[in-house]
Amino acid sequence: MREKIIYSERCWVDGQLQPATVWIEDDIIIKVQKQLRRNSDDVFNTGNKILMPGVIDAHVHVNE
């Protein structure tokens, strides 16, 4: 299967929002790398949208 690459200026990595690139293969995150952006047509650039790799539901009320 073809690798998917997603870049965001605001990716949740190590407890903070920062520029990062996420590689996905066979619907599994295989790598998250800070401060890296491959200039290619293969990269889906989310711009300034928040990317939270591995988070399934960011809107959870854990104290209820």
Protein backbone atom coordinates (compact mmCIF):
# COMPACT_ATOMS: atom_id res chain seq x y z
CA MET A 1 0.00 0.00 0.00
CA ARG A 2 1.10 3.54 -0.68
CA GLU A 3 2.40 5.62 2.18
CA LYS A 4 0.39 8.67 3.27
CA ILE A 5 2.24 11.74 4.55
CA ILE A 6 0.52 14.54 6.47
CA TYR A 7 2.14 17.80 7.55
CA SER A 8 0.75 20.33 10.02
CA GLU A 9 2.05 23.57 11.47
CA ARG A 10 0.21 22.57 14.69
CA CYS A 11 0.70 18.90 15.47
CA TRP A 12 0.28 17.58 19.02
CA VAL A 13 3.69 16.03 19.79
CA ASP A 14 5.34 15.60 23.20
CA GLY A 15 2.57 17.51 24.97
CA GLN A 16 2.63 20.62 22.82
CA LEU A 17 1.56 21.93 19.42
CA GLN A 18 4.47 22.18 16.98
CA PRO A 19 5.22 21.69 13.28
CA ALA A 20 5.46 17.99 12.43
CA THR A 21 5.05 15.39 9.70
CA VAL A 22 3.12 12.14 10.18
CA TRP A 23 3.70 9.05 8.03
CA ILE A 24 0.87 6.50 7.71
CA GLU A 25 1.14 3.09 6.09
CA ASP A 26 -1.70 0.55 5.90
CA ASP A 27 -3.77 2.89 8.12
CA ILE A 28 -1.15 2.73 10.90
CA ILE A 29 0.99 5.65 12.05
CA ILE A 30 4.56 4.53 11.42
CA LYS A 31 6.43 7.75 12.23
CA VAL A 32 5.93 11.25 13.63
CA GLN A 33 8.81 13.61 13.09
CA LYS A 34 9.07 17.14 14.46
CA GLN A 35 10.13 20.07 12.29
CA LEU A 36 10.24 18.08 9.07
CA ARG A 37 8.37 18.78 5.91
CA ARG A 38 9.01 17.00 2.67
CA ASN A 39 8.30 19.36 -0.23
CA SER A 40 6.40 17.04 -2.50
CA ASP A 41 3.02 16.50 -4.09
CA ASP A 42 2.77 13.36 -1.92
CA VAL A 43 2.39 15.45 1.25
CA PHE A 44 -1.06 16.51 2.41
CA ASN A 45 -0.50 19.91 4.04
CA THR A 46 -3.13 20.72 6.67
CA GLY A 47 -1.70 24.20 7.11
CA ASN A 48 -2.60 25.61 10.51
CA LYS A 49 -5.20 22.96 11.40
CA ILE A 50 -4.45 20.92 14.51
CA LEU A 51 -3.28 17.36 13.87
CA MET A 52 -3.39 14.96 16.82
CA PRO A 53 -1.79 11.66 15.76
CA GLY A 54 -3.12 8.70 17.73
CA VAL A 55 -5.95 10.64 19.40
CA ILE A 56 -9.26 9.03 18.56
CA ASP A 57 -11.67 11.41 20.29
CA ALA A 58 -10.24 14.80 21.24
CA HIS A 59 -13.57 15.86 22.76
CA VAL A 60 -13.89 13.69 25.84
CA HIS A 61 -15.29 14.57 29.25
CA VAL A 62 -13.17 12.35 31.50
CA ASN A 63 -14.47 13.90 34.73
CA GLU A 64 -18.15 13.02 34.10
